């Protein structure tokens, strides 16, 4: 968990990654949580996870399936979206 300064928009980045004995990612939960931006879904503004045996994306309460080939792709997509959100929040466009 990484708690963000108000200058970076506040909130928290949460990364939970489970791997098996071979190092393969078997479950993950990536989330940007900020109750000041979105109060629903326990404050999860943006998230990707593999709960319920499906890969999916959360964005301000909306859930959609994600069809990417690897965890690395999902992690990169989360990072790119989080970076864009942070920039928007810093510029007052949340």
PDB file of N, CA and C in Angstrom:
ATOM      1  N   UNK A   1       0.844  -1.171   0.000  1.00  0.00           N
ATOM      2  CA  UNK A   1       0.000   0.000   0.000  1.00  0.00           C
ATOM      3  C   UNK A   1       0.886   1.231   0.000  1.00  0.00           C
ATOM      4  N   UNK A   2       0.518   2.153  -0.846  1.00  0.00           N
ATOM      5  CA  UNK A   2       1.253   3.403  -0.936  1.00  0.00           C
ATOM      6  C   UNK A   2       0.257   4.535  -0.762  1.00  0.00           C
ATOM      7  N   UNK A   3       0.425   5.293   0.309  1.00  0.00           N
ATOM      8  CA  UNK A   3      -0.461   6.421   0.571  1.00  0.00           C
ATOM      9  C   UNK A   3       0.101   7.641  -0.143  1.00  0.00           C
ATOM     10  N   UNK A   4      -0.745   8.274  -0.937  1.00  0.00           N
ATOM     11  CA  UNK A   4      -0.304   9.369  -1.787  1.00  0.00           C
ATOM     12  C   UNK A   4      -0.491  10.717  -1.099  1.00  0.00           C
ATOM     13  N   UNK A   5       0.438  11.615  -1.347  1.00  0.00           N
ATOM     14  CA  UNK A   5       0.347  12.963  -0.784  1.00  0.00           C
ATOM     15  C   UNK A   5      -0.790  13.722  -1.473  1.00  0.00           C
ATOM     16  N   UNK A   6      -1.314  14.733  -0.812  1.00  0.00           N
ATOM     17  CA  UNK A   6      -2.353  15.552  -1.454  1.00  0.00           C
ATOM     18  C   UNK A   6      -1.878  16.145  -2.784  1.00  0.00           C
ATOM     19  N   UNK A   7      -0.608  16.462  -2.894  1.00  0.00           N
ATOM     20  CA  UNK A   7      -0.054  16.984  -4.137  1.00  0.00           C
ATOM     21  C   UNK A   7      -0.212  15.998  -5.296  1.00  0.00           C
ATOM     22  N   UNK A   8      -0.201  14.709  -4.972  1.00  0.00           N
ATOM     23  CA  UNK A   8      -0.376  13.665  -5.990  1.00  0.00           C
ATOM     24  C   UNK A   8      -1.821  13.207  -6.094  1.00  0.00           C
ATOM     25  N   UNK A   9      -2.731  13.957  -5.489  1.00  0.00           N
ATOM     26  CA  UNK A   9      -4.144  13.620  -5.586  1.00  0.00           C
ATOM     27  C   UNK A   9      -4.710  12.915  -4.384  1.00  0.00           C
ATOM     28  N   UNK A  10      -3.858  12.528  -3.437  1.00  0.00           N
ATOM     29  CA  UNK A  10      -4.315  11.822  -2.248  1.00  0.00           C
ATOM     30  C   UNK A  10      -4.752  10.405  -2.564  1.00  0.00           C
ATOM     31  N   UNK A  11      -5.299   9.761  -1.573  1.00  0.00           N
ATOM     32  CA  UNK A  11      -5.754   8.387  -1.757  1.00  0.00           C
ATOM     33  C   UNK A  11      -4.640   7.382  -1.544  1.00  0.00           C
ATOM     34  N   UNK A  12      -4.853   6.196  -2.090  1.00  0.00           N
ATOM     35  CA  UNK A  12      -3.918   5.097  -1.878  1.00  0.00           C
ATOM     36  C   UNK A  12      -3.828   4.227  -3.124  1.00  0.00           C
ATOM     37  N   UNK A  13      -2.625   3.789  -3.426  1.00  0.00           N
ATOM     38  CA  UNK A  13      -2.414   2.753  -4.439  1.00  0.00           C
ATOM     39  C   UNK A  13      -2.232   1.440  -3.694  1.00  0.00           C
ATOM     40  N   UNK A  14      -2.966   0.427  -4.110  1.00  0.00           N
ATOM     41  CA  UNK A  14      -2.860  -0.886  -3.468  1.00  0.00           C
ATOM     42  C   UNK A  14      -2.500  -1.911  -4.532  1.00  0.00           C
ATOM     43  N   UNK A  15      -1.472  -2.662  -4.271  1.00  0.00           N
ATOM     44  CA  UNK A  15      -1.055  -3.741  -5.177  1.00  0.00           C
ATOM     45  C   UNK A  15      -0.923  -5.008  -4.348  1.00  0.00           C
ATOM     46  N   UNK A  16      -1.754  -5.979  -4.681  1.00  0.00           N
ATOM     47  CA  UNK A  16      -1.687  -7.280  -4.027  1.00  0.00           C
ATOM     48  C   UNK A  16      -1.485  -8.313  -5.134  1.00  0.00           C
ATOM     49  N   UNK A  17      -0.396  -9.059  -5.026  1.00  0.00           N
ATOM     50  CA  UNK A  17      -0.043 -10.008  -6.076  1.00  0.00           C
ATOM     51  C   UNK A  17       0.349 -11.322  -5.413  1.00  0.00           C
ATOM     52  N   UNK A  18      -0.330 -12.397  -5.794  1.00  0.00           N
ATOM     53  CA  UNK A  18      -0.038 -13.722  -5.279  1.00  0.00           C
ATOM     54  C   UNK A  18       0.647 -14.531  -6.377  1.00  0.00           C
ATOM     55  N   UNK A  19       1.719 -15.222  -6.021  1.00  0.00           N
ATOM     56  CA  UNK A  19       2.429 -16.065  -6.979  1.00  0.00           C
ATOM     57  C   UNK A  19       2.525 -17.486  -6.447  1.00  0.00           C
ATOM     58  N   UNK A  20       2.629 -18.437  -7.370  1.00  0.00           N
ATOM     59  CA  UNK A  20       2.796 -19.831  -6.945  1.00  0.00           C
ATOM     60  C   UNK A  20       4.288 -20.125  -6.755  1.00  0.00           C
ATOM     61  N   UNK A  21       4.603 -21.361  -6.479  1.00  0.00           N
ATOM     62  CA  UNK A  21       5.986 -21.748  -6.189  1.00  0.00           C
ATOM     63  C   UNK A  21       6.925 -21.569  -7.385  1.00  0.00           C
ATOM     64  N   UNK A  22       6.382 -21.428  -8.586  1.00  0.00           N
ATOM     65  CA  UNK A  22       7.222 -21.212  -9.774  1.00  0.00           C
ATOM     66  C   UNK A  22       7.390 -19.731 -10.107  1.00  0.00           C
ATOM     67  N   UNK A  23       6.709 -18.870  -9.354  1.00  0.00           N
ATOM     68  CA  UNK A  23       6.782 -17.444  -9.622  1.00  0.00           C
ATOM     69  C   UNK A  23       5.695 -16.934 -10.551  1.00  0.00           C
ATOM     70  N   UNK A  24       4.785 -17.807 -10.958  1.00  0.00           N
ATOM     71  CA  UNK A  24       3.668 -17.425 -11.840  1.00  0.00           C
ATOM     72  C   UNK A  24       2.601 -16.684 -11.031  1.00  0.00           C
ATOM     73  N   UNK A  25       2.126 -15.556 -11.548  1.00  0.00           N
ATOM     74  CA  UNK A  25       1.061 -14.809 -10.879  1.00  0.00           C
ATOM     75  C   UNK A  25      -0.231 -15.620 -10.991  1.00  0.00           C
ATOM     76  N   UNK A  26      -0.835 -15.921  -9.838  1.00  0.00           N
ATOM     77  CA  UNK A  26      -2.065 -16.708  -9.825  1.00  0.00           C
ATOM     78  C   UNK A  26      -3.282 -15.885  -9.407  1.00  0.00           C
ATOM     79  N   UNK A  27      -3.031 -14.720  -8.835  1.00  0.00           N
ATOM     80  CA  UNK A  27      -4.114 -13.841  -8.409  1.00  0.00           C
ATOM     81  C   UNK A  27      -3.540 -12.446  -8.202  1.00  0.00           C
ATOM     82  N   UNK A  28      -4.350 -11.432  -8.474  1.00  0.00           N
ATOM     83  CA  UNK A  28      -3.872 -10.069  -8.278  1.00  0.00           C
ATOM     84  C   UNK A  28      -5.027  -9.128  -7.995  1.00  0.00           C
ATOM     85  N   UNK A  29      -4.682  -8.006  -7.399  1.00  0.00           N
ATOM     86  CA  UNK A  29      -5.631  -6.938  -7.110  1.00  0.00           C
ATOM     87  C   UNK A  29      -4.844  -5.635  -7.146  1.00  0.00           C
ATOM     88  N   UNK A  30      -5.091  -4.821  -8.148  1.00  0.00           N
ATOM     89  CA  UNK A  30      -4.437  -3.524  -8.296  1.00  0.00           C
ATOM     90  C   UNK A  30      -5.521  -2.462  -8.167  1.00  0.00           C
ATOM     91  N   UNK A  31      -5.319  -1.472  -7.322  1.00  0.00           N
ATOM     92  CA  UNK A  31      -6.387  -0.494  -7.119  1.00  0.00           C
ATOM     93  C   UNK A  31      -5.845   0.880  -6.761  1.00  0.00           C
ATOM     94  N   UNK A  32      -6.557   1.893  -7.258  1.00  0.00           N
ATOM     95  CA  UNK A  32      -6.380   3.272  -6.798  1.00  0.00           C
ATOM     96  C   UNK A  32      -7.637   3.608  -6.017  1.00  0.00           C
ATOM     97  N   UNK A  33      -7.478   3.913  -4.729  1.00  0.00           N
ATOM     98  CA  UNK A  33      -8.594   4.172  -3.839  1.00  0.00           C
ATOM     99  C   UNK A  33      -8.519   5.621  -3.370  1.00  0.00           C
ATOM    100  N   UNK A  34      -9.617   6.342  -3.588  1.00  0.00           N
ATOM    101  CA  UNK A  34      -9.670   7.730  -3.150  1.00  0.00           C
ATOM    102  C   UNK A  34     -11.137   8.094  -2.930  1.00  0.00           C
ATOM    103  N   UNK A  35     -11.556   8.107  -1.687  1.00  0.00           N
ATOM    104  CA  UNK A  35     -12.960   8.381  -1.340  1.00  0.00           C
ATOM    105  C   UNK A  35     -13.395   9.792  -1.715  1.00  0.00           C
ATOM    106  N   UNK A  36     -12.444  10.709  -1.884  1.00  0.00           N
ATOM    107  CA  UNK A  36     -12.796  12.078  -2.264  1.00  0.00           C
ATOM    108  C   UNK A  36     -13.176  12.180  -3.743  1.00  0.00           C
ATOM    109  N   UNK A  37     -12.693  11.250  -4.551  1.00  0.00           N
ATOM    110  CA  UNK A  37     -13.011  11.247  -5.983  1.00  0.00           C
ATOM    111  C   UNK A  37     -14.238  10.389  -6.266  1.00  0.00           C
ATOM    112  N   UNK A  38     -14.308   9.223  -5.607  1.00  0.00           N
ATOM    113  CA  UNK A  38     -15.428   8.311  -5.822  1.00  0.00           C
ATOM    114  C   UNK A  38     -15.735   7.597  -4.511  1.00  0.00           C
ATOM    115  N   UNK A  39     -16.919   7.782  -3.988  1.00  0.00           N
ATOM    116  CA  UNK A  39     -17.285   7.212  -2.692  1.00  0.00           C
ATOM    117  C   UNK A  39     -17.807   5.781  -2.800  1.00  0.00           C
ATOM    118  N   UNK A  40     -18.305   5.381  -3.970  1.00  0.00           N
ATOM    119  CA  UNK A  40     -18.821   4.025  -4.141  1.00  0.00           C
ATOM    120  C   UNK A  40     -17.708   2.999  -4.199  1.00  0.00           C
ATOM    121  N   UNK A  41     -18.069   1.731  -4.221  1.00  0.00           N
ATOM    122  CA  UNK A  41     -17.107   0.627  -4.370  1.00  0.00           C
ATOM    123  C   UNK A  41     -15.942   0.743  -3.386  1.00  0.00           C
ATOM    124  N   UNK A  42     -16.253   1.145  -2.162  1.00  0.00           N
ATOM    125  CA  UNK A  42     -15.246   1.321  -1.110  1.00  0.00           C
ATOM    126  C   UNK A  42     -14.142   2.295  -1.505  1.00  0.00           C
ATOM    127  N   UNK A  43     -14.481   3.277  -2.330  1.00  0.00           N
ATOM    128  CA  UNK A  43     -13.518   4.293  -2.727  1.00  0.00           C
ATOM    129  C   UNK A  43     -12.631   3.902  -3.897  1.00  0.00           C
ATOM    130  N   UNK A  44     -12.879   2.733  -4.479  1.00  0.00           N
ATOM    131  CA  UNK A  44     -12.030   2.282  -5.587  1.00  0.00           C
ATOM    132  C   UNK A  44     -12.383   3.072  -6.846  1.00  0.00           C
ATOM    133  N   UNK A  45     -11.492   3.966  -7.233  1.00  0.00           N
ATOM    134  CA  UNK A  45     -11.674   4.763  -8.435  1.00  0.00           C
ATOM    135  C   UNK A  45     -11.333   3.913  -9.654  1.00  0.00           C
ATOM    136  N   UNK A  46     -10.218   3.202  -9.565  1.00  0.00           N
ATOM    137  CA  UNK A  46      -9.718   2.373 -10.660  1.00  0.00           C
ATOM    138  C   UNK A  46      -9.157   1.093 -10.075  1.00  0.00           C
ATOM    139  N   UNK A  47      -9.420  -0.018 -10.702  1.00  0.00           N
ATOM    140  CA  UNK A  47      -8.849  -1.265 -10.230  1.00  0.00           C
ATOM    141  C   UNK A  47      -8.897  -2.362 -11.266  1.00  0.00           C
ATOM    142  N   UNK A  48      -7.967  -3.272 -11.136  1.00  0.00           N
ATOM    143  CA  UNK A  48      -7.936  -4.489 -11.947  1.00  0.00           C
ATOM    144  C   UNK A  48      -7.749  -5.640 -10.985  1.00  0.00           C
ATOM    145  N   UNK A  49      -8.498  -6.725 -11.179  1.00  0.00           N
ATOM    146  CA  UNK A  49      -8.294  -7.893 -10.337  1.00  0.00           C
ATOM    147  C   UNK A  49      -8.746  -9.158 -11.054  1.00  0.00           C
ATOM    148  N   UNK A  50      -8.394 -10.269 -10.432  1.00  0.00           N
ATOM    149  CA  UNK A  50      -8.741 -11.567 -11.009  1.00  0.00           C
ATOM    150  C   UNK A  50      -9.641 -12.360 -10.077  1.00  0.00           C
ATOM    151  N   UNK A  51     -10.401 -11.673  -9.259  1.00  0.00           N
ATOM    152  CA  UNK A  51     -11.332 -12.357  -8.360  1.00  0.00           C
ATOM    153  C   UNK A  51     -12.397 -13.092  -9.161  1.00  0.00           C
ATOM    154  N   UNK A  52     -12.925 -14.129  -8.591  1.00  0.00           N
ATOM    155  CA  UNK A  52     -13.995 -14.914  -9.214  1.00  0.00           C
ATOM    156  C   UNK A  52     -13.548 -15.558 -10.526  1.00  0.00           C
ATOM    157  N   UNK A  53     -12.252 -15.831 -10.650  1.00  0.00           N
ATOM    158  CA  UNK A  53     -11.667 -16.534 -11.810  1.00  0.00           C
ATOM    159  C   UNK A  53     -11.814 -15.784 -13.129  1.00  0.00           C
ATOM    160  N   UNK A  54     -12.044 -14.471 -13.071  1.00  0.00           N
ATOM    161  CA  UNK A  54     -12.083 -13.670 -14.295  1.00  0.00           C
ATOM    162  C   UNK A  54     -11.240 -12.418 -14.112  1.00  0.00           C
ATOM    163  N   UNK A  55     -10.659 -11.958 -15.196  1.00  0.00           N
ATOM    164  CA  UNK A  55      -9.887 -10.726 -15.183  1.00  0.00           C
ATOM    165  C   UNK A  55     -10.855  -9.594 -15.518  1.00  0.00           C
ATOM    166  N   UNK A  56     -10.865  -8.575 -14.669  1.00  0.00           N
ATOM    167  CA  UNK A  56     -11.785  -7.484 -14.929  1.00  0.00           C
ATOM    168  C   UNK A  56     -11.257  -6.155 -14.383  1.00  0.00           C
ATOM    169  N   UNK A  57     -11.864  -5.078 -14.895  1.00  0.00           N
ATOM    170  CA  UNK A  57     -11.485  -3.713 -14.569  1.00  0.00           C
ATOM    171  C   UNK A  57     -12.652  -3.030 -13.860  1.00  0.00           C
ATOM    172  N   UNK A  58     -12.330  -2.284 -12.825  1.00  0.00           N
ATOM    173  CA  UNK A  58     -13.305  -1.462 -12.118  1.00  0.00           C
ATOM    174  C   UNK A  58     -12.962  -0.007 -12.407  1.00  0.00           C
ATOM    175  N   UNK A  59     -13.967   0.790 -12.738  1.00  0.00           N
ATOM    176  CA  UNK A  59     -13.754   2.225 -12.882  1.00  0.00           C
ATOM    177  C   UNK A  59     -14.995   2.946 -12.384  1.00  0.00           C
ATOM    178  N   UNK A  60     -14.858   3.590 -11.239  1.00  0.00           N
ATOM    179  CA  UNK A  60     -15.952   4.349 -10.629  1.00  0.00           C
ATOM    180  C   UNK A  60     -17.262   3.552 -10.594  1.00  0.00           C
ATOM    181  N   UNK A  61     -17.165   2.313 -10.151  1.00  0.00           N
ATOM    182  CA  UNK A  61     -18.349   1.487  -9.972  1.00  0.00           C
ATOM    183  C   UNK A  61     -18.741   0.633 -11.165  1.00  0.00           C
ATOM    184  N   UNK A  62     -18.181   0.905 -12.314  1.00  0.00           N
ATOM    185  CA  UNK A  62     -18.477   0.112 -13.510  1.00  0.00           C
ATOM    186  C   UNK A  62     -17.448  -1.023 -13.601  1.00  0.00           C
ATOM    187  N   UNK A  63     -17.917  -2.209 -13.944  1.00  0.00           N
ATOM    188  CA  UNK A  63     -17.025  -3.368 -14.065  1.00  0.00           C
ATOM    189  C   UNK A  63     -17.091  -3.879 -15.494  1.00  0.00           C
ATOM    190  N   UNK A  64     -15.917  -4.145 -16.077  1.00  0.00           N
ATOM    191  CA  UNK A  64     -15.868  -4.686 -17.432  1.00  0.00           C
ATOM    192  C   UNK A  64     -14.785  -5.754 -17.523  1.00  0.00           C
ATOM    193  N   UNK A  65     -15.007  -6.729 -18.395  1.00  0.00           N
ATOM    194  CA  UNK A  65     -14.041  -7.808 -18.590  1.00  0.00           C
ATOM    195  C   UNK A  65     -12.785  -7.263 -19.249  1.00  0.00           C
ATOM    196  N   UNK A  66     -11.663  -7.881 -18.933  1.00  0.00           N
ATOM    197  CA  UNK A  66     -10.370  -7.506 -19.515  1.00  0.00           C
ATOM    198  C   UNK A  66      -9.808  -8.734 -20.217  1.00  0.00           C
ATOM    199  N   UNK A  67      -9.415  -8.548 -21.448  1.00  0.00           N
ATOM    200  CA  UNK A  67      -8.861  -9.665 -22.221  1.00  0.00           C
ATOM    201  C   UNK A  67      -7.436  -9.328 -22.645  1.00  0.00           C
ATOM    202  N   UNK A  68      -6.503  -9.527 -21.737  1.00  0.00           N
ATOM    203  CA  UNK A  68      -5.092  -9.314 -22.029  1.00  0.00           C
ATOM    204  C   UNK A  68      -4.367 -10.633 -21.810  1.00  0.00           C
ATOM    205  N   UNK A  69      -3.202 -10.736 -22.389  1.00  0.00           N
ATOM    206  CA  UNK A  69      -2.510 -12.023 -22.385  1.00  0.00           C
ATOM    207  C   UNK A  69      -1.690 -12.317 -21.143  1.00  0.00           C
ATOM    208  N   UNK A  70      -1.297 -11.282 -20.406  1.00  0.00           N
ATOM    209  CA  UNK A  70      -0.433 -11.545 -19.261  1.00  0.00           C
ATOM    210  C   UNK A  70      -0.690 -10.546 -18.139  1.00  0.00           C
ATOM    211  N   UNK A  71      -0.255 -10.910 -16.945  1.00  0.00           N
ATOM    212  CA  UNK A  71      -0.347  -9.992 -15.820  1.00  0.00           C
ATOM    213  C   UNK A  71       0.470  -8.735 -16.097  1.00  0.00           C
ATOM    214  N   UNK A  72       1.597  -8.882 -16.738  1.00  0.00           N
ATOM    215  CA  UNK A  72       2.447  -7.731 -17.043  1.00  0.00           C
ATOM    216  C   UNK A  72       1.703  -6.703 -17.894  1.00  0.00           C
ATOM    217  N   UNK A  73       0.891  -7.171 -18.842  1.00  0.00           N
ATOM    218  CA  UNK A  73       0.093  -6.250 -19.655  1.00  0.00           C
ATOM    219  C   UNK A  73      -0.954  -5.536 -18.804  1.00  0.00           C
ATOM    220  N   UNK A  74      -1.593  -6.267 -17.918  1.00  0.00           N
ATOM    221  CA  UNK A  74      -2.601  -5.669 -17.054  1.00  0.00           C
ATOM    222  C   UNK A  74      -1.951  -4.660 -16.111  1.00  0.00           C
ATOM    223  N   UNK A  75      -0.811  -5.015 -15.564  1.00  0.00           N
ATOM    224  CA  UNK A  75      -0.111  -4.096 -14.664  1.00  0.00           C
ATOM    225  C   UNK A  75       0.312  -2.824 -15.404  1.00  0.00           C
ATOM    226  N   UNK A  76       0.787  -2.955 -16.624  1.00  0.00           N
ATOM    227  CA  UNK A  76       1.178  -1.789 -17.422  1.00  0.00           C
ATOM    228  C   UNK A  76      -0.034  -0.915 -17.743  1.00  0.00           C
ATOM    229  N   UNK A  77      -1.154  -1.546 -18.048  1.00  0.00           N
ATOM    230  CA  UNK A  77      -2.379  -0.794 -18.341  1.00  0.00           C
ATOM    231  C   UNK A  77      -2.852  -0.041 -17.103  1.00  0.00           C
ATOM    232  N   UNK A  78      -2.825  -0.705 -15.938  1.00  0.00           N
ATOM    233  CA  UNK A  78      -3.192  -0.055 -14.689  1.00  0.00           C
ATOM    234  C   UNK A  78      -2.286   1.145 -14.435  1.00  0.00           C
ATOM    235  N   UNK A  79      -0.992   0.965 -14.604  1.00  0.00           N
ATOM    236  CA  UNK A  79      -0.044   2.045 -14.353  1.00  0.00           C
ATOM    237  C   UNK A  79      -0.305   3.235 -15.277  1.00  0.00           C
ATOM    238  N   UNK A  80      -0.552   2.964 -16.549  1.00  0.00           N
ATOM    239  CA  UNK A  80      -0.823   4.049 -17.510  1.00  0.00           C
ATOM    240  C   UNK A  80      -2.111   4.791 -17.143  1.00  0.00           C
ATOM    241  N   UNK A  81      -3.156   4.054 -16.776  1.00  0.00           N
ATOM    242  CA  UNK A  81      -4.420   4.693 -16.411  1.00  0.00           C
ATOM    243  C   UNK A  81      -4.293   5.461 -15.101  1.00  0.00           C
ATOM    244  N   UNK A  82      -3.591   4.888 -14.145  1.00  0.00           N
ATOM    245  CA  UNK A  82      -3.389   5.576 -12.870  1.00  0.00           C
ATOM    246  C   UNK A  82      -2.606   6.873 -13.095  1.00  0.00           C
ATOM    247  N   UNK A  83      -1.578   6.840 -13.912  1.00  0.00           N
ATOM    248  CA  UNK A  83      -0.779   8.030 -14.197  1.00  0.00           C
ATOM    249  C   UNK A  83      -1.637   9.128 -14.821  1.00  0.00           C
ATOM    250  N   UNK A  84      -2.510   8.748 -15.750  1.00  0.00           N
ATOM    251  CA  UNK A  84      -3.413   9.724 -16.378  1.00  0.00           C
ATOM    252  C   UNK A  84      -4.388  10.295 -15.346  1.00  0.00           C
ATOM    253  N   UNK A  85      -4.896   9.447 -14.448  1.00  0.00           N
ATOM    254  CA  UNK A  85      -5.798   9.920 -13.390  1.00  0.00           C
ATOM    255  C   UNK A  85      -5.087  10.895 -12.459  1.00  0.00           C
ATOM    256  N   UNK A  86      -3.879  10.549 -12.069  1.00  0.00           N
ATOM    257  CA  UNK A  86      -3.113  11.424 -11.177  1.00  0.00           C
ATOM    258  C   UNK A  86      -2.907  12.795 -11.824  1.00  0.00           C
ATOM    259  N   UNK A  87      -2.557  12.801 -13.077  1.00  0.00           N
ATOM    260  CA  UNK A  87      -2.348  14.056 -13.796  1.00  0.00           C
ATOM    261  C   UNK A  87      -3.643  14.871 -13.845  1.00  0.00           C
ATOM    262  N   UNK A  88      -4.761  14.206 -14.118  1.00  0.00           N
ATOM    263  CA  UNK A  88      -6.045  14.892 -14.165  1.00  0.00           C
ATOM    264  C   UNK A  88      -6.422  15.474 -12.801  1.00  0.00           C
ATOM    265  N   UNK A  89      -6.183  14.710 -11.739  1.00  0.00           N
ATOM    266  CA  UNK A  89      -6.502  15.183 -10.392  1.00  0.00           C
ATOM    267  C   UNK A  89      -5.642  16.399 -10.057  1.00  0.00           C
ATOM    268  N   UNK A  90      -4.350  16.345 -10.380  1.00  0.00           N
ATOM    269  CA  UNK A  90      -3.472  17.472 -10.097  1.00  0.00           C
ATOM    270  C   UNK A  90      -3.899  18.732 -10.838  1.00  0.00           C
ATOM    271  N   UNK A  91      -4.525  18.567 -11.990  1.00  0.00           N
ATOM    272  CA  UNK A  91      -4.967  19.707 -12.778  1.00  0.00           C
ATOM    273  C   UNK A  91      -6.450  20.019 -12.582  1.00  0.00           C
ATOM    274  N   UNK A  92      -7.044  19.405 -11.548  1.00  0.00           N
ATOM    275  CA  UNK A  92      -8.431  19.688 -11.203  1.00  0.00           C
ATOM    276  C   UNK A  92      -9.461  19.162 -12.171  1.00  0.00           C
ATOM    277  N   UNK A  93      -9.136  18.077 -12.879  1.00  0.00           N
ATOM    278  CA  UNK A  93     -10.052  17.513 -13.884  1.00  0.00           C
ATOM    279  C   UNK A  93     -10.506  16.107 -13.491  1.00  0.00           C
ATOM    280  N   UNK A  94     -10.724  15.872 -12.237  1.00  0.00           N
ATOM    281  CA  UNK A  94     -11.092  14.516 -11.823  1.00  0.00           C
ATOM    282  C   UNK A  94     -12.538  14.270 -12.097  1.00  0.00           C
TER     283      UNK A  94
END
